[in-house]
Amino acid sequence: MVSAAGAASLGAPNALTRAFGARSTPESLYLTRVYGIRALAMGFGYLTAGPRERARWLRLGLLIDLSDTVAGLGHVRRRDVSPRVAWPLVALTGAYAAAEAVRLGVR
């Protein structure tokens, strides 16, 4: 949940956008920052939660990352986003979802 990508989304959105092969536009930078604050807020919630609450934060993260992954796959399927941009993002959110599922013991 807390990630270098989340911090980079806020601190260096131009560089992160370019690293994923996307064009830096005012719209893409805005969306990159939206992702960043969401990732940092989720991570902060998890890290400051007590042991009993952490599973809930992991489930919320899993829901978000699964949703992002499914949305990304939809773009891949429709071919309305360059595959060179879409696939790395799908891989990133899919990896986060997989890690959260493992932590939760989802089978």
PDB file of N, CA and C in Angstrom:
ATOM      1  N   MET A   1       0.822  -1.201   0.000  1.00  0.00           N
ATOM      2  CA  MET A   1       0.000   0.000   0.000  1.00  0.00           C
ATOM      3  C   MET A   1       0.858   1.254   0.000  1.00  0.00           C
ATOM      4  N   VAL A   2       1.727   1.392   1.000  1.00  0.00           N
ATOM      5  CA  VAL A   2       2.635   2.528   0.981  1.00  0.00           C
ATOM      6  C   VAL A   2       3.723   2.184  -0.011  1.00  0.00           C
ATOM      7  N   SER A   3       3.912   3.040  -0.966  1.00  0.00           N
ATOM      8  CA  SER A   3       4.859   2.676  -2.010  1.00  0.00           C
ATOM      9  C   SER A   3       5.660   3.870  -2.463  1.00  0.00           C
ATOM     10  N   ALA A   4       6.782   3.556  -3.068  1.00  0.00           N
ATOM     11  CA  ALA A   4       7.589   4.594  -3.691  1.00  0.00           C
ATOM     12  C   ALA A   4       6.794   5.246  -4.817  1.00  0.00           C
ATOM     13  N   ALA A   5       5.975   4.444  -5.509  1.00  0.00           N
ATOM     14  CA  ALA A   5       5.159   5.007  -6.587  1.00  0.00           C
ATOM     15  C   ALA A   5       4.160   6.023  -6.042  1.00  0.00           C
ATOM     16  N   GLY A   6       3.582   5.756  -4.879  1.00  0.00           N
ATOM     17  CA  GLY A   6       2.651   6.702  -4.269  1.00  0.00           C
ATOM     18  C   GLY A   6       3.338   8.006  -3.918  1.00  0.00           C
ATOM     19  N   ALA A   7       4.522   7.912  -3.319  1.00  0.00           N
ATOM     20  CA  ALA A   7       5.272   9.117  -2.960  1.00  0.00           C
ATOM     21  C   ALA A   7       5.721   9.862  -4.216  1.00  0.00           C
ATOM     22  N   ALA A   8       6.190   9.118  -5.214  1.00  0.00           N
ATOM     23  CA  ALA A   8       6.623   9.754  -6.465  1.00  0.00           C
ATOM     24  C   ALA A   8       5.464  10.421  -7.186  1.00  0.00           C
ATOM     25  N   SER A   9       4.271   9.863  -7.037  1.00  0.00           N
ATOM     26  CA  SER A   9       3.091  10.447  -7.679  1.00  0.00           C
ATOM     27  C   SER A   9       2.819  11.859  -7.181  1.00  0.00           C
ATOM     28  N   LEU A  10       3.147  12.101  -5.943  1.00  0.00           N
ATOM     29  CA  LEU A  10       2.964  13.446  -5.398  1.00  0.00           C
ATOM     30  C   LEU A  10       4.200  14.314  -5.595  1.00  0.00           C
ATOM     31  N   GLY A  11       5.365  13.738  -5.357  1.00  0.00           N
ATOM     32  CA  GLY A  11       6.589  14.523  -5.384  1.00  0.00           C
ATOM     33  C   GLY A  11       7.189  14.760  -6.759  1.00  0.00           C
ATOM     34  N   ALA A  12       6.981  13.823  -7.664  1.00  0.00           N
ATOM     35  CA  ALA A  12       7.570  13.926  -9.005  1.00  0.00           C
ATOM     36  C   ALA A  12       6.622  13.326 -10.043  1.00  0.00           C
ATOM     37  N   PRO A  13       5.408  13.887 -10.160  1.00  0.00           N
ATOM     38  CA  PRO A  13       4.429  13.281 -11.076  1.00  0.00           C
ATOM     39  C   PRO A  13       4.868  13.277 -12.532  1.00  0.00           C
ATOM     40  N   ASN A  14       5.601  14.296 -12.964  1.00  0.00           N
ATOM     41  CA  ASN A  14       6.100  14.316 -14.353  1.00  0.00           C
ATOM     42  C   ASN A  14       7.017  13.140 -14.616  1.00  0.00           C
ATOM     43  N   ALA A  15       7.967  12.929 -13.720  1.00  0.00           N
ATOM     44  CA  ALA A  15       8.933  11.845 -13.899  1.00  0.00           C
ATOM     45  C   ALA A  15       8.244  10.489 -13.866  1.00  0.00           C
ATOM     46  N   LEU A  16       7.306  10.307 -12.952  1.00  0.00           N
ATOM     47  CA  LEU A  16       6.614   9.020 -12.852  1.00  0.00           C
ATOM     48  C   LEU A  16       5.754   8.771 -14.089  1.00  0.00           C
ATOM     49  N   THR A  17       5.056   9.787 -14.544  1.00  0.00           N
ATOM     50  CA  THR A  17       4.224   9.653 -15.739  1.00  0.00           C
ATOM     51  C   THR A  17       5.081   9.239 -16.931  1.00  0.00           C
ATOM     52  N   ARG A  18       6.211   9.899 -17.101  1.00  0.00           N
ATOM     53  CA  ARG A  18       7.123   9.550 -18.206  1.00  0.00           C
ATOM     54  C   ARG A  18       7.713   8.160 -18.029  1.00  0.00           C
ATOM     55  N   ALA A  19       7.999   7.774 -16.772  1.00  0.00           N
ATOM     56  CA  ALA A  19       8.569   6.437 -16.517  1.00  0.00           C
ATOM     57  C   ALA A  19       7.618   5.332 -16.973  1.00  0.00           C
ATOM     58  N   PHE A  20       6.317   5.598 -16.905  1.00  0.00           N
ATOM     59  CA  PHE A  20       5.331   4.622 -17.368  1.00  0.00           C
ATOM     60  C   PHE A  20       5.020   4.778 -18.855  1.00  0.00           C
ATOM     61  N   GLY A  21       5.708   5.697 -19.517  1.00  0.00           N
ATOM     62  CA  GLY A  21       5.548   5.846 -20.959  1.00  0.00           C
ATOM     63  C   GLY A  21       4.361   6.679 -21.373  1.00  0.00           C
ATOM     64  N   ALA A  22       3.761   7.390 -20.431  1.00  0.00           N
ATOM     65  CA  ALA A  22       2.603   8.220 -20.755  1.00  0.00           C
ATOM     66  C   ALA A  22       3.056   9.663 -20.992  1.00  0.00           C
ATOM     67  N   ARG A  23       2.236  10.408 -21.705  1.00  0.00           N
ATOM     68  CA  ARG A  23       2.508  11.825 -21.922  1.00  0.00           C
ATOM     69  C   ARG A  23       2.161  12.593 -20.653  1.00  0.00           C
ATOM     70  N   SER A  24       2.977  13.559 -20.318  1.00  0.00           N
ATOM     71  CA  SER A  24       2.673  14.451 -19.201  1.00  0.00           C
ATOM     72  C   SER A  24       1.776  15.570 -19.704  1.00  0.00           C
ATOM     73  N   THR A  25       0.542  15.522 -19.294  1.00  0.00           N
ATOM     74  CA  THR A  25      -0.419  16.580 -19.594  1.00  0.00           C
ATOM     75  C   THR A  25      -0.969  17.057 -18.253  1.00  0.00           C
ATOM     76  N   PRO A  26      -1.601  18.208 -18.213  1.00  0.00           N
ATOM     77  CA  PRO A  26      -2.205  18.625 -16.946  1.00  0.00           C
ATOM     78  C   PRO A  26      -3.168  17.564 -16.393  1.00  0.00           C
ATOM     79  N   GLU A  27      -3.899  16.893 -17.284  1.00  0.00           N
ATOM     80  CA  GLU A  27      -4.844  15.861 -16.846  1.00  0.00           C
ATOM     81  C   GLU A  27      -4.121  14.642 -16.268  1.00  0.00           C
ATOM     82  N   SER A  28      -3.070  14.189 -16.953  1.00  0.00           N
ATOM     83  CA  SER A  28      -2.355  13.006 -16.459  1.00  0.00           C
ATOM     84  C   SER A  28      -1.642  13.318 -15.149  1.00  0.00           C
ATOM     85  N   LEU A  29      -1.131  14.523 -15.001  1.00  0.00           N
ATOM     86  CA  LEU A  29      -0.462  14.889 -13.753  1.00  0.00           C
ATOM     87  C   LEU A  29      -1.460  14.968 -12.604  1.00  0.00           C
ATOM     88  N   TYR A  30      -2.639  15.500 -12.881  1.00  0.00           N
ATOM     89  CA  TYR A  30      -3.690  15.547 -11.862  1.00  0.00           C
ATOM     90  C   TYR A  30      -4.066  14.135 -11.417  1.00  0.00           C
ATOM     91  N   LEU A  31      -4.292  13.242 -12.369  1.00  0.00           N
ATOM     92  CA  LEU A  31      -4.660  11.865 -12.029  1.00  0.00           C
ATOM     93  C   LEU A  31      -3.530  11.141 -11.305  1.00  0.00           C
ATOM     94  N   THR A  32      -2.295  11.439 -11.688  1.00  0.00           N
ATOM     95  CA  THR A  32      -1.149  10.837 -11.003  1.00  0.00           C
ATOM     96  C   THR A  32      -1.124  11.268  -9.542  1.00  0.00           C
ATOM     97  N   ARG A  33      -1.394  12.529  -9.297  1.00  0.00           N
ATOM     98  CA  ARG A  33      -1.435  13.015  -7.907  1.00  0.00           C
ATOM     99  C   ARG A  33      -2.606  12.403  -7.137  1.00  0.00           C
ATOM    100  N   VAL A  34      -3.750  12.222  -7.798  1.00  0.00           N
ATOM    101  CA  VAL A  34      -4.899  11.571  -7.152  1.00  0.00           C
ATOM    102  C   VAL A  34      -4.493  10.164  -6.699  1.00  0.00           C
ATOM    103  N   TYR A  35      -3.829   9.418  -7.577  1.00  0.00           N
ATOM    104  CA  TYR A  35      -3.351   8.089  -7.214  1.00  0.00           C
ATOM    105  C   TYR A  35      -2.404   8.172  -6.023  1.00  0.00           C
ATOM    106  N   GLY A  36      -1.497   9.130  -6.067  1.00  0.00           N
ATOM    107  CA  GLY A  36      -0.484   9.234  -5.023  1.00  0.00           C
ATOM    108  C   GLY A  36      -1.069   9.499  -3.652  1.00  0.00           C
ATOM    109  N   ILE A  37      -1.984  10.430  -3.562  1.00  0.00           N
ATOM    110  CA  ILE A  37      -2.550  10.736  -2.252  1.00  0.00           C
ATOM    111  C   ILE A  37      -3.385   9.569  -1.754  1.00  0.00           C
ATOM    112  N   ARG A  38      -4.064   8.882  -2.654  1.00  0.00           N
ATOM    113  CA  ARG A  38      -4.847   7.706  -2.253  1.00  0.00           C
ATOM    114  C   ARG A  38      -3.934   6.615  -1.718  1.00  0.00           C
ATOM    115  N   ALA A  39      -2.834   6.359  -2.419  1.00  0.00           N
ATOM    116  CA  ALA A  39      -1.897   5.323  -1.984  1.00  0.00           C
ATOM    117  C   ALA A  39      -1.275   5.681  -0.637  1.00  0.00           C
ATOM    118  N   LEU A  40      -0.895   6.930  -0.471  1.00  0.00           N
ATOM    119  CA  LEU A  40      -0.296   7.335   0.800  1.00  0.00           C
ATOM    120  C   LEU A  40      -1.308   7.314   1.941  1.00  0.00           C
ATOM    121  N   ALA A  41      -2.543   7.746   1.679  1.00  0.00           N
ATOM    122  CA  ALA A  41      -3.574   7.718   2.726  1.00  0.00           C
ATOM    123  C   ALA A  41      -3.878   6.282   3.150  1.00  0.00           C
ATOM    124  N   MET A  42      -3.989   5.383   2.183  1.00  0.00           N
ATOM    125  CA  MET A  42      -4.233   3.972   2.520  1.00  0.00           C
ATOM    126  C   MET A  42      -3.072   3.396   3.321  1.00  0.00           C
ATOM    127  N   GLY A  43      -1.868   3.705   2.921  1.00  0.00           N
ATOM    128  CA  GLY A  43      -0.694   3.211   3.639  1.00  0.00           C
ATOM    129  C   GLY A  43      -0.609   3.785   5.042  1.00  0.00           C
ATOM    130  N   PHE A  44      -0.891   5.068   5.174  1.00  0.00           N
ATOM    131  CA  PHE A  44      -0.865   5.704   6.489  1.00  0.00           C
ATOM    132  C   PHE A  44      -1.923   5.084   7.398  1.00  0.00           C
ATOM    133  N   GLY A  45      -3.108   4.839   6.846  1.00  0.00           N
ATOM    134  CA  GLY A  45      -4.171   4.190   7.624  1.00  0.00           C
ATOM    135  C   GLY A  45      -3.740   2.821   8.116  1.00  0.00           C
ATOM    136  N   TYR A  46      -3.110   2.058   7.234  1.00  0.00           N
ATOM    137  CA  TYR A  46      -2.643   0.717   7.601  1.00  0.00           C
ATOM    138  C   TYR A  46      -1.570   0.788   8.685  1.00  0.00           C
ATOM    139  N   LEU A  47      -0.589   1.642   8.478  1.00  0.00           N
ATOM    140  CA  LEU A  47       0.540   1.710   9.405  1.00  0.00           C
ATOM    141  C   LEU A  47       0.165   2.249  10.781  1.00  0.00           C
ATOM    142  N   THR A  48      -0.868   3.066  10.844  1.00  0.00           N
ATOM    143  CA  THR A  48      -1.276   3.626  12.138  1.00  0.00           C
ATOM    144  C   THR A  48      -2.394   2.830  12.798  1.00  0.00           C
ATOM    145  N   ALA A  49      -2.885   1.807  12.127  1.00  0.00           N
ATOM    146  CA  ALA A  49      -3.966   0.982  12.674  1.00  0.00           C
ATOM    147  C   ALA A  49      -3.399  -0.028  13.670  1.00  0.00           C
ATOM    148  N   GLY A  50      -4.252  -0.406  14.596  1.00  0.00           N
ATOM    149  CA  GLY A  50      -3.885  -1.473  15.509  1.00  0.00           C
ATOM    150  C   GLY A  50      -3.957  -2.810  14.792  1.00  0.00           C
ATOM    151  N   PRO A  51      -3.442  -3.848  15.436  1.00  0.00           N
ATOM    152  CA  PRO A  51      -3.416  -5.172  14.800  1.00  0.00           C
ATOM    153  C   PRO A  51      -4.786  -5.649  14.320  1.00  0.00           C
ATOM    154  N   ARG A  52      -5.842  -5.349  15.064  1.00  0.00           N
ATOM    155  CA  ARG A  52      -7.181  -5.809  14.674  1.00  0.00           C
ATOM    156  C   ARG A  52      -7.717  -5.070  13.447  1.00  0.00           C
ATOM    157  N   GLU A  53      -7.291  -3.830  13.274  1.00  0.00           N
ATOM    158  CA  GLU A  53      -7.805  -3.031  12.157  1.00  0.00           C
ATOM    159  C   GLU A  53      -7.015  -3.239  10.862  1.00  0.00           C
ATOM    160  N   ARG A  54      -5.824  -3.773  10.954  1.00  0.00           N
ATOM    161  CA  ARG A  54      -4.986  -3.884   9.765  1.00  0.00           C
ATOM    162  C   ARG A  54      -5.592  -4.780   8.689  1.00  0.00           C
ATOM    163  N   ALA A  55      -6.291  -5.828   9.075  1.00  0.00           N
ATOM    164  CA  ALA A  55      -6.928  -6.692   8.066  1.00  0.00           C
ATOM    165  C   ALA A  55      -7.966  -5.907   7.268  1.00  0.00           C
ATOM    166  N   ARG A  56      -8.679  -5.008   7.936  1.00  0.00           N
ATOM    167  CA  ARG A  56      -9.674  -4.189   7.223  1.00  0.00           C
ATOM    168  C   ARG A  56      -8.975  -3.283   6.212  1.00  0.00           C
ATOM    169  N   TRP A  57      -7.854  -2.664   6.597  1.00  0.00           N
ATOM    170  CA  TRP A  57      -7.106  -1.826   5.672  1.00  0.00           C
ATOM    171  C   TRP A  57      -6.571  -2.642   4.500  1.00  0.00           C
ATOM    172  N   LEU A  58      -6.125  -3.869   4.770  1.00  0.00           N
ATOM    173  CA  LEU A  58      -5.664  -4.734   3.677  1.00  0.00           C
ATOM    174  C   LEU A  58      -6.810  -5.084   2.735  1.00  0.00           C
ATOM    175  N   ARG A  59      -7.996  -5.360   3.284  1.00  0.00           N
ATOM    176  CA  ARG A  59      -9.151  -5.664   2.427  1.00  0.00           C
ATOM    177  C   ARG A  59      -9.526  -4.464   1.575  1.00  0.00           C
ATOM    178  N   LEU A  60      -9.484  -3.269   2.158  1.00  0.00           N
ATOM    179  CA  LEU A  60      -9.766  -2.061   1.373  1.00  0.00           C
ATOM    180  C   LEU A  60      -8.728  -1.878   0.270  1.00  0.00           C
ATOM    181  N   GLY A  61      -7.463  -2.086   0.589  1.00  0.00           N
ATOM    182  CA  GLY A  61      -6.409  -1.991  -0.421  1.00  0.00           C
ATOM    183  C   GLY A  61      -6.598  -3.012  -1.519  1.00  0.00           C
ATOM    184  N   LEU A  62      -6.972  -4.230  -1.136  1.00  0.00           N
ATOM    185  CA  LEU A  62      -7.225  -5.280  -2.121  1.00  0.00           C
ATOM    186  C   LEU A  62      -8.374  -4.881  -3.047  1.00  0.00           C
ATOM    187  N   LEU A  63      -9.435  -4.350  -2.491  1.00  0.00           N
ATOM    188  CA  LEU A  63     -10.574  -3.905  -3.296  1.00  0.00           C
ATOM    189  C   LEU A  63     -10.144  -2.825  -4.291  1.00  0.00           C
ATOM    190  N   ILE A  64      -9.400  -1.859  -3.817  1.00  0.00           N
ATOM    191  CA  ILE A  64      -8.937  -0.771  -4.685  1.00  0.00           C
ATOM    192  C   ILE A  64      -8.023  -1.304  -5.781  1.00  0.00           C
ATOM    193  N   ASP A  65      -7.051  -2.137  -5.394  1.00  0.00           N
ATOM    194  CA  ASP A  65      -6.092  -2.624  -6.388  1.00  0.00           C
ATOM    195  C   ASP A  65      -6.714  -3.590  -7.382  1.00  0.00           C
ATOM    196  N   LEU A  66      -7.679  -4.401  -6.939  1.00  0.00           N
ATOM    197  CA  LEU A  66      -8.411  -5.252  -7.885  1.00  0.00           C
ATOM    198  C   LEU A  66      -9.225  -4.398  -8.854  1.00  0.00           C
ATOM    199  N   SER A  67      -9.869  -3.374  -8.328  1.00  0.00           N
ATOM    200  CA  SER A  67     -10.655  -2.478  -9.177  1.00  0.00           C
ATOM    201  C   SER A  67      -9.765  -1.785 -10.208  1.00  0.00           C
ATOM    202  N   ASP A  68      -8.615  -1.297  -9.770  1.00  0.00           N
ATOM    203  CA  ASP A  68      -7.689  -0.651 -10.698  1.00  0.00           C
ATOM    204  C   ASP A  68      -7.191  -1.631 -11.757  1.00  0.00           C
ATOM    205  N   THR A  69      -6.918  -2.866 -11.345  1.00  0.00           N
ATOM    206  CA  THR A  69      -6.423  -3.880 -12.274  1.00  0.00           C
ATOM    207  C   THR A  69      -7.485  -4.238 -13.308  1.00  0.00           C
ATOM    208  N   VAL A  70      -8.708  -4.435 -12.864  1.00  0.00           N
ATOM    209  CA  VAL A  70      -9.801  -4.754 -13.792  1.00  0.00           C
ATOM    210  C   VAL A  70     -10.040  -3.588 -14.756  1.00  0.00           C
ATOM    211  N   ALA A  71      -9.999  -2.372 -14.235  1.00  0.00           N
ATOM    212  CA  ALA A  71     -10.169  -1.205 -15.111  1.00  0.00           C
ATOM    213  C   ALA A  71      -9.050  -1.149 -16.149  1.00  0.00           C
ATOM    214  N   GLY A  72      -7.825  -1.410 -15.714  1.00  0.00           N
ATOM    215  CA  GLY A  72      -6.696  -1.416 -16.644  1.00  0.00           C
ATOM    216  C   GLY A  72      -6.837  -2.484 -17.709  1.00  0.00           C
ATOM    217  N   LEU A  73      -7.286  -3.673 -17.302  1.00  0.00           N
ATOM    218  CA  LEU A  73      -7.500  -4.742 -18.280  1.00  0.00           C
ATOM    219  C   LEU A  73      -8.588  -4.364 -19.285  1.00  0.00           C
ATOM    220  N   GLY A  74      -9.576  -3.614 -18.822  1.00  0.00           N
ATOM    221  CA  GLY A  74     -10.607  -3.123 -19.745  1.00  0.00           C
ATOM    222  C   GLY A  74     -10.011  -2.207 -20.805  1.00  0.00           C
ATOM    223  N   HIS A  75      -9.088  -1.362 -20.400  1.00  0.00           N
ATOM    224  CA  HIS A  75      -8.421  -0.488 -21.372  1.00  0.00           C
ATOM    225  C   HIS A  75      -7.562  -1.287 -22.343  1.00  0.00           C
ATOM    226  N   VAL A  76      -6.893  -2.307 -21.816  1.00  0.00           N
ATOM    227  CA  VAL A  76      -6.096  -3.179 -22.696  1.00  0.00           C
ATOM    228  C   VAL A  76      -7.009  -3.837 -23.720  1.00  0.00           C
ATOM    229  N   ARG A  77      -8.125  -4.352 -23.258  1.00  0.00           N
ATOM    230  CA  ARG A  77      -9.075  -5.051 -24.136  1.00  0.00           C
ATOM    231  C   ARG A  77      -9.643  -4.119 -25.210  1.00  0.00           C
ATOM    232  N   ARG A  78      -9.997  -2.894 -24.794  1.00  0.00           N
ATOM    233  CA  ARG A  78     -10.574  -1.929 -25.740  1.00  0.00           C
ATOM    234  C   ARG A  78      -9.519  -1.287 -26.637  1.00  0.00           C
ATOM    235  N   ARG A  79      -8.255  -1.423 -26.243  1.00  0.00           N
ATOM    236  CA  ARG A  79      -7.137  -0.826 -26.981  1.00  0.00           C
ATOM    237  C   ARG A  79      -7.245   0.690 -27.084  1.00  0.00           C
ATOM    238  N   ASP A  80      -7.796   1.313 -26.031  1.00  0.00           N
ATOM    239  CA  ASP A  80      -7.907   2.769 -26.027  1.00  0.00           C
ATOM    240  C   ASP A  80      -6.777   3.440 -25.253  1.00  0.00           C
ATOM    241  N   VAL A  81      -5.893   2.634 -24.677  1.00  0.00           N
ATOM    242  CA  VAL A  81      -4.667   3.102 -24.033  1.00  0.00           C
ATOM    243  C   VAL A  81      -3.524   2.286 -24.625  1.00  0.00           C
ATOM    244  N   SER A  82      -2.425   2.948 -24.876  1.00  0.00           N
ATOM    245  CA  SER A  82      -1.274   2.253 -25.443  1.00  0.00           C
ATOM    246  C   SER A  82      -0.896   1.070 -24.554  1.00  0.00           C
ATOM    247  N   PRO A  83      -0.699  -0.116 -25.145  1.00  0.00           N
ATOM    248  CA  PRO A  83      -0.284  -1.273 -24.352  1.00  0.00           C
ATOM    249  C   PRO A  83       1.023  -1.029 -23.599  1.00  0.00           C
ATOM    250  N   ARG A  84       1.905  -0.205 -24.150  1.00  0.00           N
ATOM    251  CA  ARG A  84       3.177   0.097 -23.496  1.00  0.00           C
ATOM    252  C   ARG A  84       2.962   0.896 -22.214  1.00  0.00           C
ATOM    253  N   VAL A  85       1.827   1.574 -22.090  1.00  0.00           N
ATOM    254  CA  VAL A  85       1.474   2.297 -20.868  1.00  0.00           C
ATOM    255  C   VAL A  85       0.582   1.422 -19.978  1.00  0.00           C
ATOM    256  N   ALA A  86      -0.391   0.771 -20.588  1.00  0.00           N
ATOM    257  CA  ALA A  86      -1.392   0.031 -19.808  1.00  0.00           C
ATOM    258  C   ALA A  86      -0.821  -1.189 -19.099  1.00  0.00           C
ATOM    259  N   TRP A  87      -0.031  -1.996 -19.789  1.00  0.00           N
ATOM    260  CA  TRP A  87       0.446  -3.245 -19.184  1.00  0.00           C
ATOM    261  C   TRP A  87       1.307  -3.039 -17.937  1.00  0.00           C
ATOM    262  N   PRO A  88       2.246  -2.092 -17.939  1.00  0.00           N
ATOM    263  CA  PRO A  88       3.011  -1.889 -16.697  1.00  0.00           C
ATOM    264  C   PRO A  88       2.137  -1.451 -15.522  1.00  0.00           C
ATOM    265  N   LEU A  89       1.119  -0.644 -15.798  1.00  0.00           N
ATOM    266  CA  LEU A  89       0.220  -0.216 -14.721  1.00  0.00           C
ATOM    267  C   LEU A  89      -0.645  -1.367 -14.233  1.00  0.00           C
ATOM    268  N   VAL A  90      -1.117  -2.198 -15.154  1.00  0.00           N
ATOM    269  CA  VAL A  90      -1.886  -3.387 -14.769  1.00  0.00           C
ATOM    270  C   VAL A  90      -0.998  -4.315 -13.935  1.00  0.00           C
ATOM    271  N   ALA A  91       0.254  -4.461 -14.340  1.00  0.00           N
ATOM    272  CA  ALA A  91       1.182  -5.311 -13.581  1.00  0.00           C
ATOM    273  C   ALA A  91       1.418  -4.751 -12.183  1.00  0.00           C
ATOM    274  N   LEU A  92       1.551  -3.439 -12.070  1.00  0.00           N
ATOM    275  CA  LEU A  92       1.774  -2.812 -10.769  1.00  0.00           C
ATOM    276  C   LEU A  92       0.591  -3.026  -9.834  1.00  0.00           C
ATOM    277  N   THR A  93      -0.609  -2.678 -10.298  1.00  0.00           N
ATOM    278  CA  THR A  93      -1.775  -2.824  -9.426  1.00  0.00           C
ATOM    279  C   THR A  93      -2.102  -4.293  -9.178  1.00  0.00           C
ATOM    280  N   GLY A  94      -1.858  -5.138 -10.173  1.00  0.00           N
ATOM    281  CA  GLY A  94      -2.066  -6.577  -9.977  1.00  0.00           C
ATOM    282  C   GLY A  94      -1.113  -7.148  -8.950  1.00  0.00           C
ATOM    283  N   ALA A  95       0.136  -6.678  -8.961  1.00  0.00           N
ATOM    284  CA  ALA A  95       1.115  -7.145  -7.960  1.00  0.00           C
ATOM    285  C   ALA A  95       0.713  -6.690  -6.562  1.00  0.00           C
ATOM    286  N   TYR A  96       0.255  -5.450  -6.440  1.00  0.00           N
ATOM    287  CA  TYR A  96      -0.228  -4.979  -5.135  1.00  0.00           C
ATOM    288  C   TYR A  96      -1.395  -5.841  -4.663  1.00  0.00           C
ATOM    289  N   ALA A  97      -2.337  -6.121  -5.557  1.00  0.00           N
ATOM    290  CA  ALA A  97      -3.501  -6.941  -5.193  1.00  0.00           C
ATOM    291  C   ALA A  97      -3.063  -8.338  -4.770  1.00  0.00           C
ATOM    292  N   ALA A  98      -2.131  -8.916  -5.503  1.00  0.00           N
ATOM    293  CA  ALA A  98      -1.647 -10.258  -5.157  1.00  0.00           C
ATOM    294  C   ALA A  98      -0.978 -10.266  -3.785  1.00  0.00           C
ATOM    295  N   ALA A  99      -0.162  -9.261  -3.514  1.00  0.00           N
ATOM    296  CA  ALA A  99       0.508  -9.181  -2.209  1.00  0.00           C
ATOM    297  C   ALA A  99      -0.504  -9.043  -1.076  1.00  0.00           C
ATOM    298  N   GLU A 100      -1.525  -8.228  -1.299  1.00  0.00           N
ATOM    299  CA  GLU A 100      -2.556  -8.053  -0.261  1.00  0.00           C
ATOM    300  C   GLU A 100      -3.344  -9.348  -0.069  1.00  0.00           C
ATOM    301  N   ALA A 101      -3.644 -10.026  -1.161  1.00  0.00           N
ATOM    302  CA  ALA A 101      -4.377 -11.299  -1.057  1.00  0.00           C
ATOM    303  C   ALA A 101      -3.558 -12.318  -0.271  1.00  0.00           C
ATOM    304  N   VAL A 102      -2.263 -12.372  -0.531  1.00  0.00           N
ATOM    305  CA  VAL A 102      -1.398 -13.301   0.202  1.00  0.00           C
ATOM    306  C   VAL A 102      -1.398 -12.958   1.684  1.00  0.00           C
ATOM    307  N   ARG A 103      -1.256 -11.681   1.989  1.00  0.00           N
ATOM    308  CA  ARG A 103      -1.258 -11.252   3.395  1.00  0.00           C
ATOM    309  C   ARG A 103      -2.562 -11.600   4.084  1.00  0.00           C
ATOM    310  N   LEU A 104      -3.672 -11.559   3.344  1.00  0.00           N
ATOM    311  CA  LEU A 104      -4.976 -11.876   3.917  1.00  0.00           C
ATOM    312  C   LEU A 104      -5.260 -13.380   3.921  1.00  0.00           C
ATOM    313  N   GLY A 105      -4.441 -14.129   3.224  1.00  0.00           N
ATOM    314  CA  GLY A 105      -4.681 -15.570   3.137  1.00  0.00           C
ATOM    315  C   GLY A 105      -5.828 -15.938   2.214  1.00  0.00           C
ATOM    316  N   VAL A 106      -6.089 -15.069   1.209  1.00  0.00           N
ATOM    317  CA  VAL A 106      -7.155 -15.331   0.226  1.00  0.00           C
ATOM    318  C   VAL A 106      -6.724 -16.467  -0.666  1.00  0.00           C
ATOM    319  N   ARG A 107      -7.636 -17.414  -0.871  1.00  0.00           N
ATOM    320  CA  ARG A 107      -7.338 -18.565  -1.745  1.00  0.00           C
ATOM    321  C   ARG A 107      -8.268 -18.600  -2.915  1.00  0.00           C
TER     322      ARG A 107
END
